[in-house]
Each structure stands twice: as C-alpha cells, then as structure tokens.
Amino acid sequence: MKRLIALVATWGLAAILPAAAQESPTAEQIVERSLKAFFYQGDDFKAKITMELIDQAGHKRSRVLTMLRKNAASGWNQKYFIYFHEPGDVRGITFMVWKYPGKEDDRWIFVPAVDLVRRIAASDKRSSFVGSDFTYEDVSGRDLDADTHSLLRSERLGERDCYVIQSVPKEPLEYAKKIAWIARDIYLPIKEEYYSTQGELLKVFSAESIENLSSAKTTYPTVLKRTMKNLKTGHRTEVTFGTALYNIGLKDDDFSERYMRSPVRSWIE
C-alpha cells in the first residue's frame, strides 16, 4: 500500500510540475508582454502630451504635442504621427514613423518654415527626441530581438510586485545594459536603469502615474506621467499625458505625407 501511495504521489508531481513550469514566463515572454502593454494597447491611440525639459538648475523648457498611433491588423508593425503645438518655433512641425520590427523603420519630418518633408535616417533612432532625455526609439519602442534578455529576480517596488529583467543590446549602444522593473499584474515598466560598460548608472526611467483608461468595455492600464533623468548631466524630462483615448478609428491612409503638411483638425485639438 505504501509503495502504491508513493507511486501515485510521484505521478501526481509529474503531472503538476510541467504545468507549473508553463506558468512561469521566460524573460523574453515578460519583455514581449511589456512591449505590448506599453506600446501596443488598443487598435489605435491618441494623446495630448506635455514635455518639460528641466536642467540641473531647475530651468524649464516645454514642448506640447499630439501623438497618434495605429497598430497593424496583425504583427508588430505600427504607424506614429506627432504634431507639435508649442513653443512657437516648433509649431506645425510634424513627425511620422512607419515601424517595422526586424528591419529599419521609415521616418519623416515636416518643417513648415521651409515647406519640406524630409526623411530621417534610421540611424537617428537613438538620438534625442526634440532635445529631451528620451530618444526617438523610446517614443515608439525597441525591437524585442534587439536585446538579449534575462530574468534576474522578482521583487517588490513601491506597491507592485515586479519582474526584474536585464536587457543587453546585441549591437553597441550608448549604454551596455538596461535593468527594468516590470509589474507582474499589468506588465508595464515601473522603473528602468541604464548602465555603461563600466557599470556606471547613466539614465533612469520611472513611471510616476498609472491609470486605467476605458474604451469599448476594455480597460487599459496606461502610464500617464513618466520621467527620464540623465544622471551624468542632472537634466531630466517629465512627460505628462493629458487627453488620452484608445480606439478612435484611425486608418492607415491617415499616416501620409499629405496629412503631415495638413493634419486633420480634430486629431490635434
């Protein structure tokens, strides 16, 4: 009887262990879900955004813009459209990205002062976005396969239990690794730290405010305030989302050179 009980117990463990293993996501699965939660929620998205560029002495410069984003029907392709309202010297400038994970994105900028739409080199994706501490890639997202990901541990950060993920770029960048705290319940990044090859902390991203936004009976946890701080210069950029709407019915044709020159008024109000 004892041997029978032991055998049954062994069979029971054999049945349970594979299921438990399946419930524990890999680092790649965690990062993939985080990218989807941060950059891909809904079919499309519109937000009025204020960026505060703050130097070490506390002096501020502001940028006010509207961002539109549309996902492809399937896969990871996306389209982005950004219109600048303020300050006056950038009013009317528009920026557009057609994002293709796995290959270089298409990027354009329209400058009304010279009435010119110009393509932006794909290599510019790691350069500063309009003088801020965010890069163009920070705005539209980094490809999942561009880094090697590993799960370091799980720990609590503030009020949330998080996965702690290390991501190492496969090609040389201005940082050698990123450590991200990703909320276990909503998969949004709560904090990210960027390190040099010498282990020096270069930049820190933090999600300051997360709210649930509703659309068509679906709720989307959304980071409505975020900060990126450059530890070497003391400069930081605070980004606040004002009006933020999901699933407004954008079409692929809306993301074109024509609308860069003359955007639909209802988009940018």
C-alpha atoms as a PDB file:
ATOM      1  CA  MET A   1       0.000   0.000   0.000  1.00  0.00           C
ATOM      2  CA  LYS A   2       2.866   2.385   0.879  1.00  0.00           C
ATOM      3  CA  ARG A   3       4.507   1.718  -2.499  1.00  0.00           C
ATOM      4  CA  LEU A   4       1.192   2.396  -4.246  1.00  0.00           C
ATOM      5  CA  ILE A   5       0.748   5.706  -2.406  1.00  0.00           C
ATOM      6  CA  ALA A   6       4.311   6.717  -3.248  1.00  0.00           C
ATOM      7  CA  LEU A   7       3.766   5.829  -6.905  1.00  0.00           C
ATOM      8  CA  VAL A   8       0.540   7.816  -7.078  1.00  0.00           C
ATOM      9  CA  ALA A   9       2.272  10.787  -5.424  1.00  0.00           C
ATOM     10  CA  THR A  10       5.109  10.605  -7.949  1.00  0.00           C
ATOM     11  CA  TRP A  11       2.645  10.541 -10.854  1.00  0.00           C
ATOM     12  CA  GLY A  12       0.854  13.498  -9.307  1.00  0.00           C
ATOM     13  CA  LEU A  13       4.047  15.526  -9.113  1.00  0.00           C
ATOM     14  CA  ALA A  14       4.931  14.617 -12.686  1.00  0.00           C
ATOM     15  CA  ALA A  15       1.589  15.961 -13.806  1.00  0.00           C
ATOM     16  CA  ILE A  16       1.833  19.157 -11.766  1.00  0.00           C
ATOM     17  CA  LEU A  17       5.425  20.186 -12.441  1.00  0.00           C
ATOM     18  CA  PRO A  18       5.132  20.732 -16.224  1.00  0.00           C
ATOM     19  CA  ALA A  19       2.030  22.882 -15.687  1.00  0.00           C
ATOM     20  CA  ALA A  20       3.809  24.944 -13.043  1.00  0.00           C
ATOM     21  CA  ALA A  21       6.777  25.401 -15.354  1.00  0.00           C
ATOM     22  CA  GLN A  22       4.468  26.656 -18.069  1.00  0.00           C
ATOM     23  CA  GLU A  23       3.000  29.251 -15.693  1.00  0.00           C
ATOM     24  CA  SER A  24       6.416  30.810 -15.092  1.00  0.00           C
ATOM     25  CA  PRO A  25       7.164  33.094 -18.089  1.00  0.00           C
ATOM     26  CA  THR A  26      10.613  33.417 -19.596  1.00  0.00           C
ATOM     27  CA  ALA A  27      12.461  36.733 -19.752  1.00  0.00           C
ATOM     28  CA  GLU A  28      11.603  37.055 -23.453  1.00  0.00           C
ATOM     29  CA  GLN A  29       7.914  36.427 -22.764  1.00  0.00           C
ATOM     30  CA  ILE A  30       7.907  39.034 -19.978  1.00  0.00           C
ATOM     31  CA  VAL A  31       9.554  41.665 -22.199  1.00  0.00           C
ATOM     32  CA  GLU A  32       7.230  40.832 -25.095  1.00  0.00           C
ATOM     33  CA  ARG A  33       4.175  41.315 -22.887  1.00  0.00           C
ATOM     34  CA  SER A  34       5.670  44.534 -21.519  1.00  0.00           C
ATOM     35  CA  LEU A  35       6.206  45.941 -25.024  1.00  0.00           C
ATOM     36  CA  LYS A  36       2.609  45.115 -25.911  1.00  0.00           C
ATOM     37  CA  ALA A  37       1.304  46.721 -22.701  1.00  0.00           C
ATOM     38  CA  PHE A  38       3.401  49.883 -23.084  1.00  0.00           C
ATOM     39  CA  PHE A  39       3.314  50.480 -26.860  1.00  0.00           C
ATOM     40  CA  TYR A  40       0.532  48.366 -28.425  1.00  0.00           C
ATOM     41  CA  GLN A  41      -2.630  48.551 -26.322  1.00  0.00           C
ATOM     42  CA  GLY A  42      -5.841  49.076 -28.295  1.00  0.00           C
ATOM     43  CA  ASP A  43      -6.148  49.268 -32.079  1.00  0.00           C
ATOM     44  CA  ASP A  44      -5.043  52.889 -32.042  1.00  0.00           C
ATOM     45  CA  PHE A  45      -4.295  55.688 -29.578  1.00  0.00           C
ATOM     46  CA  LYS A  46      -4.341  59.498 -29.334  1.00  0.00           C
ATOM     47  CA  ALA A  47      -2.818  61.667 -26.605  1.00  0.00           C
ATOM     48  CA  LYS A  48      -2.129  65.342 -25.900  1.00  0.00           C
ATOM     49  CA  ILE A  49       1.312  65.410 -24.291  1.00  0.00           C
ATOM     50  CA  THR A  50       3.341  67.976 -22.388  1.00  0.00           C
ATOM     51  CA  MET A  51       7.103  67.524 -22.105  1.00  0.00           C
ATOM     52  CA  GLU A  52       9.048  69.525 -19.511  1.00  0.00           C
ATOM     53  CA  LEU A  53      12.799  69.671 -20.154  1.00  0.00           C
ATOM     54  CA  ILE A  54      14.456  70.568 -16.844  1.00  0.00           C
ATOM     55  CA  ASP A  55      18.154  71.285 -16.387  1.00  0.00           C
ATOM     56  CA  GLN A  56      20.230  70.794 -13.249  1.00  0.00           C
ATOM     57  CA  ALA A  57      19.482  74.330 -12.056  1.00  0.00           C
ATOM     58  CA  GLY A  58      15.724  73.791 -12.415  1.00  0.00           C
ATOM     59  CA  HIS A  59      15.251  75.880 -15.557  1.00  0.00           C
ATOM     60  CA  LYS A  60      12.391  74.539 -17.701  1.00  0.00           C
ATOM     61  CA  ARG A  61      11.581  74.380 -21.395  1.00  0.00           C
ATOM     62  CA  SER A  62       8.243  72.989 -22.554  1.00  0.00           C
ATOM     63  CA  ARG A  63       7.051  71.037 -25.567  1.00  0.00           C
ATOM     64  CA  VAL A  64       3.342  70.418 -26.214  1.00  0.00           C
ATOM     65  CA  LEU A  65       2.413  67.851 -28.847  1.00  0.00           C
ATOM     66  CA  THR A  66      -0.265  65.456 -30.009  1.00  0.00           C
ATOM     67  CA  MET A  67       0.679  61.853 -30.696  1.00  0.00           C
ATOM     68  CA  LEU A  68      -1.338  59.407 -32.813  1.00  0.00           C
ATOM     69  CA  ARG A  69      -0.523  55.711 -33.040  1.00  0.00           C
ATOM     70  CA  LYS A  70      -2.075  52.889 -35.048  1.00  0.00           C
ATOM     71  CA  ASN A  71      -1.283  49.187 -34.892  1.00  0.00           C
ATOM     72  CA  ALA A  72      -1.242  46.910 -37.926  1.00  0.00           C
ATOM     73  CA  ALA A  73      -4.080  44.392 -38.087  1.00  0.00           C
ATOM     74  CA  SER A  74      -1.571  41.677 -37.155  1.00  0.00           C
ATOM     75  CA  GLY A  75       2.083  41.504 -36.229  1.00  0.00           C
ATOM     76  CA  TRP A  76       4.227  44.235 -34.714  1.00  0.00           C
ATOM     77  CA  ASN A  77       4.080  46.925 -37.416  1.00  0.00           C
ATOM     78  CA  GLN A  78       2.845  50.358 -36.312  1.00  0.00           C
ATOM     79  CA  LYS A  79       2.435  53.907 -37.539  1.00  0.00           C
ATOM     80  CA  TYR A  80       3.059  57.038 -35.469  1.00  0.00           C
ATOM     81  CA  PHE A  81       2.178  60.670 -36.143  1.00  0.00           C
ATOM     82  CA  ILE A  82       3.317  63.549 -33.899  1.00  0.00           C
ATOM     83  CA  TYR A  83       2.226  67.190 -34.224  1.00  0.00           C
ATOM     84  CA  PHE A  84       3.953  69.985 -32.257  1.00  0.00           C
ATOM     85  CA  HIS A  85       1.815  72.794 -30.779  1.00  0.00           C
ATOM     86  CA  GLU A  86       4.339  74.652 -28.622  1.00  0.00           C
ATOM     87  CA  PRO A  87       6.657  76.503 -28.363  1.00  0.00           C
ATOM     88  CA  GLY A  88       6.110  78.817 -31.303  1.00  0.00           C
ATOM     89  CA  ASP A  89       9.364  77.926 -33.069  1.00  0.00           C
ATOM     90  CA  VAL A  90       8.250  74.291 -33.476  1.00  0.00           C
ATOM     91  CA  ARG A  91       4.504  74.873 -34.007  1.00  0.00           C
ATOM     92  CA  GLY A  92       3.242  72.909 -37.016  1.00  0.00           C
ATOM     93  CA  ILE A  93       6.241  70.591 -37.234  1.00  0.00           C
ATOM     94  CA  THR A  94       5.099  67.007 -37.728  1.00  0.00           C
ATOM     95  CA  PHE A  95       6.985  63.759 -37.299  1.00  0.00           C
ATOM     96  CA  MET A  96       5.896  60.378 -38.704  1.00  0.00           C
ATOM     97  CA  VAL A  97       7.183  56.819 -38.238  1.00  0.00           C
ATOM     98  CA  TRP A  98       6.262  53.614 -40.014  1.00  0.00           C
ATOM     99  CA  LYS A  99       7.638  50.989 -37.676  1.00  0.00           C
ATOM    100  CA  TYR A 100       8.803  47.596 -38.958  1.00  0.00           C
ATOM    101  CA  PRO A 101      10.268  45.361 -36.249  1.00  0.00           C
ATOM    102  CA  GLY A 102      13.086  43.304 -37.710  1.00  0.00           C
ATOM    103  CA  LYS A 103      14.179  45.968 -40.166  1.00  0.00           C
ATOM    104  CA  GLU A 104      14.823  49.708 -40.244  1.00  0.00           C
ATOM    105  CA  ASP A 105      11.826  51.986 -39.717  1.00  0.00           C
ATOM    106  CA  ASP A 106      10.719  54.681 -42.159  1.00  0.00           C
ATOM    107  CA  ARG A 107      10.797  58.167 -40.582  1.00  0.00           C
ATOM    108  CA  TRP A 108       9.828  61.598 -41.881  1.00  0.00           C
ATOM    109  CA  ILE A 109       9.735  65.139 -40.529  1.00  0.00           C
ATOM    110  CA  PHE A 110       7.821  68.110 -41.949  1.00  0.00           C
ATOM    111  CA  VAL A 111       9.122  71.633 -41.274  1.00  0.00           C
ATOM    112  CA  PRO A 112       6.512  74.271 -42.249  1.00  0.00           C
ATOM    113  CA  ALA A 113       9.039  77.136 -42.291  1.00  0.00           C
ATOM    114  CA  VAL A 114      10.637  75.624 -45.399  1.00  0.00           C
ATOM    115  CA  ASP A 115       7.555  73.639 -46.525  1.00  0.00           C
ATOM    116  CA  LEU A 116       9.656  70.488 -46.694  1.00  0.00           C
ATOM    117  CA  VAL A 117       9.031  66.835 -45.821  1.00  0.00           C
ATOM    118  CA  ARG A 118      12.377  65.144 -45.196  1.00  0.00           C
ATOM    119  CA  ARG A 119      13.201  61.508 -44.485  1.00  0.00           C
ATOM    120  CA  ILE A 120      15.177  60.920 -41.307  1.00  0.00           C
ATOM    121  CA  ALA A 121      17.981  58.391 -41.323  1.00  0.00           C
ATOM    122  CA  ALA A 122      17.095  55.208 -39.454  1.00  0.00           C
ATOM    123  CA  SER A 123      20.359  55.552 -37.512  1.00  0.00           C
ATOM    124  CA  ASP A 124      18.855  58.618 -35.798  1.00  0.00           C
ATOM    125  CA  LYS A 125      16.537  56.436 -33.698  1.00  0.00           C
ATOM    126  CA  ARG A 126      18.917  56.604 -30.719  1.00  0.00           C
ATOM    127  CA  SER A 127      19.329  60.388 -30.923  1.00  0.00           C
ATOM    128  CA  SER A 128      17.495  62.802 -28.638  1.00  0.00           C
ATOM    129  CA  PHE A 129      13.799  63.330 -29.314  1.00  0.00           C
ATOM    130  CA  VAL A 130      13.380  67.128 -29.711  1.00  0.00           C
ATOM    131  CA  GLY A 131      16.118  67.879 -27.188  1.00  0.00           C
ATOM    132  CA  SER A 132      14.664  65.678 -24.451  1.00  0.00           C
ATOM    133  CA  ASP A 133      16.248  62.845 -22.457  1.00  0.00           C
ATOM    134  CA  PHE A 134      14.104  60.376 -24.415  1.00  0.00           C
ATOM    135  CA  THR A 135      15.271  59.026 -27.766  1.00  0.00           C
ATOM    136  CA  TYR A 136      13.135  58.516 -30.870  1.00  0.00           C
ATOM    137  CA  GLU A 137      13.264  54.798 -30.077  1.00  0.00           C
ATOM    138  CA  ASP A 138      11.975  55.442 -26.544  1.00  0.00           C
ATOM    139  CA  VAL A 139       8.890  57.036 -28.094  1.00  0.00           C
ATOM    140  CA  SER A 140       7.996  54.213 -30.493  1.00  0.00           C
ATOM    141  CA  GLY A 141       9.646  51.242 -28.763  1.00  0.00           C
ATOM    142  CA  ARG A 142      12.661  48.993 -29.209  1.00  0.00           C
ATOM    143  CA  ASP A 143      12.517  45.664 -31.071  1.00  0.00           C
ATOM    144  CA  LEU A 144      12.220  42.597 -28.836  1.00  0.00           C
ATOM    145  CA  ASP A 145      15.022  40.794 -30.685  1.00  0.00           C
ATOM    146  CA  ALA A 146      17.438  43.745 -30.492  1.00  0.00           C
ATOM    147  CA  ASP A 147      18.500  42.673 -26.983  1.00  0.00           C
ATOM    148  CA  THR A 148      19.363  39.552 -25.022  1.00  0.00           C
ATOM    149  CA  HIS A 149      17.016  39.330 -22.034  1.00  0.00           C
ATOM    150  CA  SER A 150      17.429  37.544 -18.713  1.00  0.00           C
ATOM    151  CA  LEU A 151      15.254  37.331 -15.603  1.00  0.00           C
ATOM    152  CA  LEU A 152      17.348  38.399 -12.600  1.00  0.00           C
ATOM    153  CA  ARG A 153      14.791  38.079  -9.817  1.00  0.00           C
ATOM    154  CA  SER A 154      11.353  39.101  -8.590  1.00  0.00           C
ATOM    155  CA  GLU A 155      10.949  41.856  -6.016  1.00  0.00           C
ATOM    156  CA  ARG A 156       8.532  44.471  -4.768  1.00  0.00           C
ATOM    157  CA  LEU A 157       8.905  48.060  -5.938  1.00  0.00           C
ATOM    158  CA  GLY A 158       6.587  50.501  -4.218  1.00  0.00           C
ATOM    159  CA  GLU A 159       3.116  48.964  -4.257  1.00  0.00           C
ATOM    160  CA  ARG A 160       3.757  46.446  -7.048  1.00  0.00           C
ATOM    161  CA  ASP A 161       5.408  43.061  -7.347  1.00  0.00           C
ATOM    162  CA  CYS A 162       7.812  43.174 -10.285  1.00  0.00           C
ATOM    163  CA  TYR A 163       9.927  41.014 -12.524  1.00  0.00           C
ATOM    164  CA  VAL A 164      13.469  42.399 -12.707  1.00  0.00           C
ATOM    165  CA  ILE A 165      14.783  41.955 -16.254  1.00  0.00           C
ATOM    166  CA  GLN A 166      18.242  42.632 -17.657  1.00  0.00           C
ATOM    167  CA  SER A 167      18.396  43.516 -21.373  1.00  0.00           C
ATOM    168  CA  VAL A 168      21.785  43.671 -23.114  1.00  0.00           C
ATOM    169  CA  PRO A 169      21.932  45.226 -26.615  1.00  0.00           C
ATOM    170  CA  LYS A 170      23.188  42.841 -29.285  1.00  0.00           C
ATOM    171  CA  GLU A 171      24.858  45.773 -31.050  1.00  0.00           C
ATOM    172  CA  PRO A 172      26.876  48.522 -29.303  1.00  0.00           C
ATOM    173  CA  LEU A 173      24.839  51.464 -27.997  1.00  0.00           C
ATOM    174  CA  GLU A 174      25.425  54.406 -25.675  1.00  0.00           C
ATOM    175  CA  TYR A 175      24.552  52.045 -22.804  1.00  0.00           C
ATOM    176  CA  ALA A 176      25.711  48.484 -22.123  1.00  0.00           C
ATOM    177  CA  LYS A 177      22.667  47.113 -20.306  1.00  0.00           C
ATOM    178  CA  LYS A 178      19.223  48.042 -19.050  1.00  0.00           C
ATOM    179  CA  ILE A 179      17.619  46.782 -15.835  1.00  0.00           C
ATOM    180  CA  ALA A 180      13.815  47.008 -15.882  1.00  0.00           C
ATOM    181  CA  TRP A 181      11.247  46.515 -13.126  1.00  0.00           C
ATOM    182  CA  ILE A 182       8.108  45.226 -14.869  1.00  0.00           C
ATOM    183  CA  ALA A 183       4.864  44.996 -12.893  1.00  0.00           C
ATOM    184  CA  ARG A 184       3.696  41.402 -12.640  1.00  0.00           C
ATOM    185  CA  ASP A 185      -0.001  42.291 -12.756  1.00  0.00           C
ATOM    186  CA  ILE A 186      -0.104  44.776 -15.672  1.00  0.00           C
ATOM    187  CA  TYR A 187       3.304  44.209 -17.342  1.00  0.00           C
ATOM    188  CA  LEU A 188       4.082  47.930 -17.579  1.00  0.00           C
ATOM    189  CA  PRO A 189       7.645  49.060 -16.827  1.00  0.00           C
ATOM    190  CA  ILE A 190       7.704  50.825 -13.457  1.00  0.00           C
ATOM    191  CA  LYS A 191      11.400  51.701 -13.500  1.00  0.00           C
ATOM    192  CA  GLU A 192      14.361  51.267 -15.860  1.00  0.00           C
ATOM    193  CA  GLU A 193      18.066  51.836 -15.217  1.00  0.00           C
ATOM    194  CA  TYR A 194      20.642  52.223 -17.997  1.00  0.00           C
ATOM    195  CA  TYR A 195      24.302  51.342 -17.289  1.00  0.00           C
ATOM    196  CA  SER A 196      27.620  51.921 -19.061  1.00  0.00           C
ATOM    197  CA  THR A 197      30.179  49.186 -19.774  1.00  0.00           C
ATOM    198  CA  GLN A 198      31.954  50.298 -16.570  1.00  0.00           C
ATOM    199  CA  GLY A 199      28.791  49.747 -14.548  1.00  0.00           C
ATOM    200  CA  GLU A 200      28.047  53.456 -14.144  1.00  0.00           C
ATOM    201  CA  LEU A 201      24.367  54.370 -13.876  1.00  0.00           C
ATOM    202  CA  LEU A 202      23.629  56.692 -16.813  1.00  0.00           C
ATOM    203  CA  LYS A 203      19.858  57.227 -17.003  1.00  0.00           C
ATOM    204  CA  VAL A 204      16.773  56.306 -15.003  1.00  0.00           C
ATOM    205  CA  PHE A 205      13.215  55.997 -16.313  1.00  0.00           C
ATOM    206  CA  SER A 206      10.305  55.996 -13.883  1.00  0.00           C
ATOM    207  CA  ALA A 207       6.546  55.651 -14.308  1.00  0.00           C
ATOM    208  CA  GLU A 208       5.131  58.296 -11.976  1.00  0.00           C
ATOM    209  CA  SER A 209       1.406  57.798 -12.589  1.00  0.00           C
ATOM    210  CA  ILE A 210      -0.570  54.834 -13.939  1.00  0.00           C
ATOM    211  CA  GLU A 211      -4.329  54.980 -14.522  1.00  0.00           C
ATOM    212  CA  ASN A 212      -6.902  52.647 -16.055  1.00  0.00           C
ATOM    213  CA  LEU A 213      -8.409  54.104 -19.241  1.00  0.00           C
ATOM    214  CA  SER A 214     -11.603  52.555 -20.590  1.00  0.00           C
ATOM    215  CA  SER A 215     -12.639  52.007 -24.199  1.00  0.00           C
ATOM    216  CA  ALA A 216     -15.363  49.739 -25.594  1.00  0.00           C
ATOM    217  CA  LYS A 217     -15.730  47.865 -22.303  1.00  0.00           C
ATOM    218  CA  THR A 218     -11.967  47.250 -22.177  1.00  0.00           C
ATOM    219  CA  THR A 219      -9.635  48.780 -19.604  1.00  0.00           C
ATOM    220  CA  TYR A 220      -6.068  49.734 -20.497  1.00  0.00           C
ATOM    221  CA  PRO A 221      -3.598  50.462 -17.665  1.00  0.00           C
ATOM    222  CA  THR A 222      -1.640  53.434 -19.019  1.00  0.00           C
ATOM    223  CA  VAL A 223       1.408  55.366 -17.835  1.00  0.00           C
ATOM    224  CA  LEU A 224       0.156  58.966 -17.840  1.00  0.00           C
ATOM    225  CA  LYS A 225       3.260  60.525 -16.319  1.00  0.00           C
ATOM    226  CA  ARG A 226       6.817  59.367 -16.899  1.00  0.00           C
ATOM    227  CA  THR A 227      10.292  60.767 -16.279  1.00  0.00           C
ATOM    228  CA  MET A 228      13.712  60.134 -17.799  1.00  0.00           C
ATOM    229  CA  LYS A 229      16.691  61.502 -15.881  1.00  0.00           C
ATOM    230  CA  ASN A 230      20.274  61.760 -17.117  1.00  0.00           C
ATOM    231  CA  LEU A 231      22.474  61.086 -14.079  1.00  0.00           C
ATOM    232  CA  LYS A 232      25.608  62.467 -15.735  1.00  0.00           C
ATOM    233  CA  THR A 233      24.193  65.905 -16.584  1.00  0.00           C
ATOM    234  CA  GLY A 234      21.435  66.207 -13.984  1.00  0.00           C
ATOM    235  CA  HIS A 235      18.993  67.004 -16.794  1.00  0.00           C
ATOM    236  CA  ARG A 236      15.588  65.331 -16.787  1.00  0.00           C
ATOM    237  CA  THR A 237      12.456  65.190 -18.938  1.00  0.00           C
ATOM    238  CA  GLU A 238       8.986  64.889 -17.421  1.00  0.00           C
ATOM    239  CA  VAL A 239       6.218  63.723 -19.771  1.00  0.00           C
ATOM    240  CA  THR A 240       2.549  64.126 -18.861  1.00  0.00           C
ATOM    241  CA  PHE A 241      -0.348  62.754 -20.911  1.00  0.00           C
ATOM    242  CA  GLY A 242      -3.438  64.970 -20.820  1.00  0.00           C
ATOM    243  CA  THR A 243      -6.273  63.760 -23.039  1.00  0.00           C
ATOM    244  CA  ALA A 244      -5.607  60.097 -23.849  1.00  0.00           C
ATOM    245  CA  LEU A 245      -8.022  57.986 -25.940  1.00  0.00           C
ATOM    246  CA  TYR A 246      -7.944  54.467 -27.331  1.00  0.00           C
ATOM    247  CA  ASN A 247      -9.705  53.062 -30.403  1.00  0.00           C
ATOM    248  CA  ILE A 248     -10.704  56.323 -32.110  1.00  0.00           C
ATOM    249  CA  GLY A 249     -10.893  54.770 -35.595  1.00  0.00           C
ATOM    250  CA  LEU A 250      -7.667  55.890 -37.279  1.00  0.00           C
ATOM    251  CA  LYS A 251      -6.922  54.490 -40.759  1.00  0.00           C
ATOM    252  CA  ASP A 252      -3.618  53.577 -42.384  1.00  0.00           C
ATOM    253  CA  ASP A 253      -4.170  56.269 -45.015  1.00  0.00           C
ATOM    254  CA  ASP A 254      -4.242  58.887 -42.266  1.00  0.00           C
ATOM    255  CA  PHE A 255      -0.493  58.407 -41.814  1.00  0.00           C
ATOM    256  CA  SER A 256       0.739  60.013 -45.035  1.00  0.00           C
ATOM    257  CA  GLU A 257       2.814  62.920 -46.323  1.00  0.00           C
ATOM    258  CA  ARG A 258      -0.404  64.743 -47.191  1.00  0.00           C
ATOM    259  CA  TYR A 259      -1.507  64.850 -43.558  1.00  0.00           C
ATOM    260  CA  MET A 260       1.964  65.766 -42.362  1.00  0.00           C
ATOM    261  CA  ARG A 261       1.525  69.026 -44.275  1.00  0.00           C
ATOM    262  CA  SER A 262      -2.146  69.491 -43.374  1.00  0.00           C
ATOM    263  CA  PRO A 263      -3.261  67.370 -40.380  1.00  0.00           C
ATOM    264  CA  VAL A 264      -6.939  66.840 -39.674  1.00  0.00           C
ATOM    265  CA  ARG A 265      -8.006  69.466 -37.135  1.00  0.00           C
ATOM    266  CA  SER A 266      -9.905  67.002 -34.925  1.00  0.00           C
ATOM    267  CA  TRP A 267      -6.712  64.984 -34.481  1.00  0.00           C
ATOM    268  CA  ILE A 268      -4.669  67.790 -32.997  1.00  0.00           C
ATOM    269  CA  GLU A 269      -7.196  69.781 -30.987  1.00  0.00           C
END
